[in-house]
Amino acid sequence: MHTKNITPIRPAPRTPYHSLGADATMRIPEWAQHRSVYRSAGRTLYVVETDTLADARRDLVQLDNAGWNVSVEKSGPAARIALSRAA
């Protein structure tokens, strides 16, 4: 009998906060002061407002690398960040 090692496919993290956590646990960073979620057909949009964009930069790179669409609208040191991924 022939057997193969099969690695299960992990589903994409449900939220950007799951993408930031370890082992699919959720981590909401301190820089994410105001958070909103909007759902429409086939897409969920997470809007995060922060007073300290500089503190968010490393996490935003991590989210981008994890497949999230990251859009930043700056306003001085503060920013409004949109995070989305096709469902």
Protein backbone atom coordinates (compact mmCIF):
# COMPACT_ATOMS: atom_id res chain seq x y z
CA MET A 1 0.00 0.00 0.00
CA HIS A 2 1.29 3.44 -0.96
CA THR A 3 0.72 6.40 1.38
CA LYS A 4 1.40 10.08 0.92
CA ASN A 5 1.98 12.81 3.42
CA ILE A 6 -0.75 15.30 2.78
CA THR A 7 -0.55 18.74 4.29
CA PRO A 8 -4.00 20.14 4.94
CA ILE A 9 -4.78 23.46 3.30
CA ARG A 10 -5.36 26.15 5.87
CA PRO A 11 -8.28 28.44 5.20
CA ALA A 12 -7.47 32.11 4.84
CA PRO A 13 -7.73 33.99 8.13
CA ARG A 14 -11.26 35.32 8.65
CA THR A 15 -10.23 38.82 9.67
CA PRO A 16 -7.12 40.97 9.46
CA TYR A 17 -6.87 40.57 13.24
CA HIS A 18 -6.55 36.79 12.77
CA SER A 19 -3.78 37.44 10.21
CA LEU A 20 -1.87 39.42 12.84
CA GLY A 21 -2.24 36.75 15.54
CA ALA A 22 -0.31 33.54 15.94
CA ASP A 23 -1.94 30.15 15.27
CA ALA A 24 -5.21 31.71 14.03
CA THR A 25 -5.74 33.60 17.29
CA MET A 26 -7.02 37.13 16.99
CA ARG A 27 -4.77 40.10 17.85
CA ILE A 28 -6.14 43.62 17.81
CA PRO A 29 -3.17 46.01 17.91
CA GLU A 30 -3.13 49.07 20.15
CA TRP A 31 -2.81 51.41 17.17
CA ALA A 32 -6.27 50.32 15.91
CA GLN A 33 -8.28 52.79 17.98
CA HIS A 34 -11.52 52.94 15.94
CA ARG A 35 -12.68 49.89 13.98
CA SER A 36 -15.65 49.32 11.66
CA VAL A 37 -16.73 46.42 9.46
CA TYR A 38 -18.82 46.70 6.27
CA ARG A 39 -20.11 43.67 4.38
CA SER A 40 -21.41 43.48 0.82
CA ALA A 41 -21.80 40.76 -1.77
CA GLY A 42 -18.57 38.82 -1.86
CA ARG A 43 -16.43 41.32 0.08
CA THR A 44 -15.88 42.51 3.63
CA LEU A 45 -14.23 45.86 4.30
CA TYR A 46 -12.49 46.63 7.58
CA VAL A 47 -11.93 50.32 8.27
CA VAL A 48 -9.47 51.20 11.00
CA GLU A 49 -8.65 54.69 12.21
CA THR A 50 -5.43 55.37 14.05
CA ASP A 51 -3.79 58.39 15.58
CA THR A 52 -0.34 56.86 15.06
CA LEU A 53 0.24 55.54 11.55
CA ALA A 54 3.93 55.05 12.32
CA ASP A 55 2.99 52.42 14.92
CA ALA A 56 0.88 50.55 12.35
CA ARG A 57 3.43 50.28 9.53
CA ARG A 58 4.92 46.88 10.42
CA ASP A 59 1.47 45.31 10.89
CA LEU A 60 0.26 46.79 7.58
CA VAL A 61 3.20 45.21 5.75
CA GLN A 62 2.36 41.88 7.41
CA LEU A 63 -1.28 42.20 6.32
CA ASP A 64 -0.25 43.05 2.76
CA ASN A 65 2.02 40.00 2.67
CA ALA A 66 -0.87 37.87 3.97
CA GLY A 67 -3.02 38.83 0.97
CA TRP A 68 -5.05 41.70 2.38
CA ASN A 69 -5.67 44.76 0.21
CA VAL A 70 -4.33 47.64 2.30
CA SER A 71 -5.28 51.23 1.50
CA VAL A 72 -4.07 54.13 3.67
CA GLU A 73 -5.46 57.67 3.70
CA LYS A 74 -3.07 59.86 5.71
CA SER A 75 -3.97 62.92 7.71
CA GLY A 76 -0.80 64.11 9.43
CA PRO A 77 0.35 61.43 11.91
CA ALA A 78 -3.15 59.88 11.87
CA ALA A 79 -4.70 57.72 9.16
CA ARG A 80 -7.78 55.90 7.98
CA ILE A 81 -6.91 52.37 6.83
CA ALA A 82 -9.11 50.15 4.65
CA LEU A 83 -8.48 46.40 4.64
CA SER A 84 -10.32 44.03 2.33
CA ARG A 85 -10.13 40.59 0.80
CA ALA A 86 -12.45 38.85 -1.61
CA ALA A 87 -14.70 36.33 0.14
